[in-house]
């Protein structure tokens, strides 16, 4: 039995009605929401478009930090990397995995980092305080809110990445501080001094006004929501 025959057999099995169930914070609690297979396909297509626009190619080696529960946001990114043909290596977002993060970064020709968060970065900095030297060979770094600010302050070019309620936001190199969100899937607006996210009619789940977890100025440019700090 080969990998190809196993995949072919798996494809013949009955498929559930939905891809999965996401969970995100909603005020003091959490909200569960269904993700359809069509939602996933469109999320992959959007992530693929953003990665290509940023210059990710099949020649890249990518280090991505994420957890299993972040699959609703980052599984489309991983699948987009597969579609591009880039090599990717996963790591956890927790401090205890910082040694592996450093080892991968130093021993392999990593050119792209995705999902770097403040817990990982703090642990990495404790071991390798010269961040500019550590990330010297990395061409693109997508980092979460606090880590983005820390990297920028350390002289490491960084692109913002945000898990905004149920939506994913990614910046591009020409505007590294501006999060881009797919407006065909999500509506973002200001409410009470903060941003909230709602699903469009295209989504399987009917989410309304879920906190994005950030503040900012929102504009819409064609099929893209732009969120400036």
Protein backbone atom coordinates (compact mmCIF):
# COMPACT_ATOMS: atom_id res chain seq x y z
CA UNK A 1 0.00 0.00 0.00
CA UNK A 2 1.33 3.43 -0.95
CA UNK A 3 0.44 6.95 0.15
CA UNK A 4 -1.42 7.39 -3.14
CA UNK A 5 -3.59 4.30 -2.65
CA UNK A 6 -4.35 5.31 0.96
CA UNK A 7 -5.43 8.77 -0.19
CA UNK A 8 -7.56 7.26 -2.92
CA UNK A 9 -9.23 4.93 -0.38
CA UNK A 10 -9.82 7.82 2.02
CA UNK A 11 -11.50 9.84 -0.70
CA UNK A 12 -14.04 7.08 -1.19
CA UNK A 13 -15.19 7.27 2.45
CA UNK A 14 -18.36 9.22 3.27
CA UNK A 15 -17.56 12.86 4.01
CA UNK A 16 -19.25 14.75 6.86
CA UNK A 17 -21.55 17.62 5.98
CA UNK A 18 -19.12 20.23 7.32
CA UNK A 19 -15.33 20.61 7.34
CA UNK A 20 -15.22 21.39 11.04
CA UNK A 21 -16.24 23.58 13.95
CA UNK A 22 -14.34 26.70 14.92
CA UNK A 23 -14.37 28.46 18.26
CA UNK A 24 -13.53 32.07 19.02
CA UNK A 25 -13.89 34.40 21.95
CA UNK A 26 -17.09 36.46 22.22
CA UNK A 27 -16.86 38.87 25.13
CA UNK A 28 -16.41 36.85 28.33
CA UNK A 29 -17.40 33.61 26.61
CA UNK A 30 -16.86 31.69 23.43
CA UNK A 31 -18.89 31.01 20.31
CA UNK A 32 -18.79 27.80 18.27
CA UNK A 33 -19.46 28.01 14.56
CA UNK A 34 -19.64 25.56 11.66
CA UNK A 35 -17.24 25.74 8.72
CA UNK A 36 -18.49 24.28 5.45
CA UNK A 37 -16.35 22.59 2.83
CA UNK A 38 -17.12 25.43 0.45
CA UNK A 39 -16.01 27.91 3.14
CA UNK A 40 -12.71 26.04 3.39
CA UNK A 41 -12.20 26.01 -0.38
CA UNK A 42 -12.69 29.77 -0.59
CA UNK A 43 -10.43 30.39 2.43
CA UNK A 44 -7.68 28.34 0.79
CA UNK A 45 -8.07 30.27 -2.46
CA UNK A 46 -7.84 33.59 -0.60
CA UNK A 47 -4.79 32.53 1.44
CA UNK A 48 -3.15 31.26 -1.75
CA UNK A 49 -3.74 34.64 -3.39
CA UNK A 50 -2.22 36.54 -0.45
CA UNK A 51 0.87 34.32 -0.23
CA UNK A 52 1.50 34.64 -3.94
CA UNK A 53 1.05 38.42 -3.75
CA UNK A 54 3.65 38.51 -0.96
CA UNK A 55 6.11 36.57 -3.11
CA UNK A 56 5.95 33.07 -1.59
CA UNK A 57 7.11 30.45 -4.12
CA UNK A 58 7.80 26.73 -4.36
CA UNK A 59 11.45 27.49 -3.60
CA UNK A 60 10.61 28.74 -0.10
CA UNK A 61 11.09 26.89 3.18
CA UNK A 62 8.42 28.00 5.65
CA UNK A 63 8.37 27.76 9.45
CA UNK A 64 4.79 28.11 10.68
CA UNK A 65 3.78 28.33 14.35
CA UNK A 66 0.22 27.38 15.19
CA UNK A 67 -1.86 25.18 17.48
CA UNK A 68 -4.49 22.59 16.56
CA UNK A 69 -7.38 24.83 17.63
CA UNK A 70 -6.17 27.51 15.19
CA UNK A 71 -6.95 25.29 12.20
CA UNK A 72 -9.99 27.42 11.16
CA UNK A 73 -7.59 30.29 10.46
CA UNK A 74 -4.29 28.63 9.56
CA UNK A 75 -5.26 25.33 7.94
CA UNK A 76 -6.16 27.28 4.75
CA UNK A 77 -2.68 28.84 4.88
CA UNK A 78 -1.03 25.41 5.21
CA UNK A 79 -3.09 24.06 2.32
CA UNK A 80 -2.20 27.13 0.27
CA UNK A 81 1.49 26.42 0.94
CA UNK A 82 0.94 22.88 -0.35
CA UNK A 83 -0.74 24.28 -3.45
CA UNK A 84 2.25 26.57 -4.04
CA UNK A 85 4.65 23.69 -3.45
CA UNK A 86 6.63 25.33 -0.64
CA UNK A 87 8.26 23.18 2.04
CA UNK A 88 6.77 23.91 5.45
CA UNK A 89 7.72 22.92 9.00
CA UNK A 90 5.22 23.34 11.88
CA UNK A 91 6.06 24.38 15.43
CA UNK A 92 3.94 25.10 18.49
CA UNK A 93 3.15 28.62 19.66
CA UNK A 94 4.22 27.91 23.26
CA UNK A 95 7.43 28.93 25.03
CA UNK A 96 8.44 25.33 25.61
CA UNK A 97 8.86 24.85 21.85
CA UNK A 98 11.20 27.82 21.42
CA UNK A 99 14.28 25.60 21.26
CA UNK A 100 12.82 23.71 18.29
CA UNK A 101 11.85 27.00 16.64
CA UNK A 102 15.44 28.23 16.96
CA UNK A 103 16.89 24.90 15.81
CA UNK A 104 14.75 24.85 12.67
CA UNK A 105 15.55 28.49 11.93
CA UNK A 106 19.30 27.98 12.34
CA UNK A 107 19.69 24.55 10.69
CA UNK A 108 17.33 24.77 7.73
CA UNK A 109 17.17 27.37 4.93
CA UNK A 110 14.03 29.04 6.28
CA UNK A 111 12.95 31.97 4.13
CA UNK A 112 9.40 32.55 5.44
CA UNK A 113 7.98 32.52 8.99
CA UNK A 114 4.22 32.54 9.58
CA UNK A 115 2.29 32.94 12.84
CA UNK A 116 5.04 34.09 15.18
CA UNK A 117 3.51 35.13 18.50
CA UNK A 118 4.72 36.94 21.58
CA UNK A 119 5.11 33.80 23.75
CA UNK A 120 7.42 32.18 21.22
CA UNK A 121 9.26 35.42 20.54
CA UNK A 122 9.86 36.13 24.25
CA UNK A 123 11.30 32.65 24.78
CA UNK A 124 13.39 32.92 21.61
CA UNK A 125 14.72 36.35 22.62
CA UNK A 126 15.81 34.99 26.01
CA UNK A 127 18.05 32.49 24.20
CA UNK A 128 18.94 34.57 21.15
CA UNK A 129 18.73 38.29 21.98
CA UNK A 130 20.13 39.40 18.61
CA UNK A 131 16.91 38.97 16.65
CA UNK A 132 18.24 40.76 13.58
CA UNK A 133 20.99 38.14 13.28
CA UNK A 134 18.62 35.24 13.97
CA UNK A 135 16.18 36.30 11.25
CA UNK A 136 18.84 37.50 8.83
CA UNK A 137 18.10 34.88 6.19
CA UNK A 138 14.30 35.16 6.47
CA UNK A 139 12.63 37.14 3.70
CA UNK A 140 9.05 37.28 5.05
CA UNK A 141 7.84 37.15 8.66
CA UNK A 142 4.11 37.20 9.43
CA UNK A 143 3.75 37.89 13.15
CA UNK A 144 0.89 38.44 15.55
CA UNK A 145 0.07 41.82 17.05
CA UNK A 146 2.51 42.13 19.97
CA UNK A 147 5.28 40.17 18.26
CA UNK A 148 4.94 42.37 15.18
CA UNK A 149 5.68 45.46 17.27
CA UNK A 150 8.62 43.78 19.04
CA UNK A 151 10.20 42.57 15.81
CA UNK A 152 9.82 45.96 14.16
CA UNK A 153 11.46 47.60 17.18
CA UNK A 154 14.35 45.11 16.92
CA UNK A 155 14.92 45.97 13.28
CA UNK A 156 13.38 42.80 11.85
CA UNK A 157 10.95 43.53 8.98
CA UNK A 158 7.60 42.05 9.96
CA UNK A 159 4.15 41.70 8.41
CA UNK A 160 1.10 41.78 10.67
CA UNK A 161 -1.07 38.70 11.02
CA UNK A 162 -4.28 38.65 13.04
CA UNK A 163 -6.86 36.08 14.12
CA UNK A 164 -9.76 38.50 14.18
CA UNK A 165 -12.67 36.72 15.78
CA UNK A 166 -13.47 34.10 13.10
CA UNK A 167 -11.57 35.94 10.33
CA UNK A 168 -7.93 35.86 9.26
CA UNK A 169 -6.02 39.05 8.53
CA UNK A 170 -2.72 39.14 6.65
CA UNK A 171 -0.58 42.11 5.64
CA UNK A 172 1.47 42.38 2.46
CA UNK A 173 5.03 43.71 2.10
CA UNK A 174 3.95 47.02 0.55
CA UNK A 175 1.87 47.82 3.68
CA UNK A 176 3.24 45.65 6.53
CA UNK A 177 1.06 47.23 9.25
CA UNK A 178 -2.24 46.99 7.37
CA UNK A 179 -4.25 43.81 7.86
CA UNK A 180 -6.11 42.54 4.83
CA UNK A 181 -9.35 40.56 5.28
CA UNK A 182 -11.48 38.91 2.61
CA UNK A 183 -14.55 41.14 2.28
CA UNK A 184 -16.43 38.45 0.35
CA UNK A 185 -16.46 36.38 3.56
CA UNK A 186 -16.34 38.91 6.41
CA UNK A 187 -17.70 42.34 7.32
CA UNK A 188 -15.62 44.35 9.79
CA UNK A 189 -16.83 47.54 11.46
CA UNK A 190 -16.24 49.64 14.55
CA UNK A 191 -18.49 49.26 17.58
CA UNK A 192 -17.89 50.90 20.93
CA UNK A 193 -14.29 51.79 20.17
CA UNK A 194 -13.36 48.27 19.01
CA UNK A 195 -13.78 46.22 15.87
CA UNK A 196 -16.36 43.46 15.39
CA UNK A 197 -16.62 40.84 12.65
CA UNK A 198 -19.71 39.40 10.99
CA UNK A 199 -20.00 36.64 8.40
CA UNK A 200 -21.36 37.46 4.97
CA UNK A 201 -24.14 35.43 3.39
CA UNK A 202 -21.47 33.32 1.69
CA UNK A 203 -20.50 31.63 4.99
CA UNK A 204 -22.04 28.49 6.43
CA UNK A 205 -22.28 30.07 9.91
CA UNK A 206 -24.37 33.19 10.57
CA UNK A 207 -21.99 35.02 12.89
CA UNK A 208 -22.81 38.59 13.93
CA UNK A 209 -20.64 41.21 15.64
CA UNK A 210 -17.99 38.90 17.09
CA UNK A 211 -15.17 40.93 18.74
CA UNK A 212 -12.08 41.09 16.55
CA UNK A 213 -9.82 41.68 19.55
CA UNK A 214 -8.21 44.81 18.09
CA UNK A 215 -8.97 48.44 17.38
CA UNK A 216 -8.18 50.21 14.14
CA UNK A 217 -9.45 52.16 11.16
CA UNK A 218 -11.41 50.16 8.60
CA UNK A 219 -11.73 50.85 4.90
CA UNK A 220 -12.79 48.64 2.01
CA UNK A 221 -10.78 48.42 -1.21
CA UNK A 222 -12.62 46.27 -3.75
CA UNK A 223 -12.76 42.73 -2.38
CA UNK A 224 -10.52 43.50 0.60
CA UNK A 225 -11.15 44.96 4.05
CA UNK A 226 -8.15 47.03 5.15
CA UNK A 227 -7.49 47.49 8.88
CA UNK A 228 -4.92 50.14 9.76
CA UNK A 229 -3.57 50.49 13.33
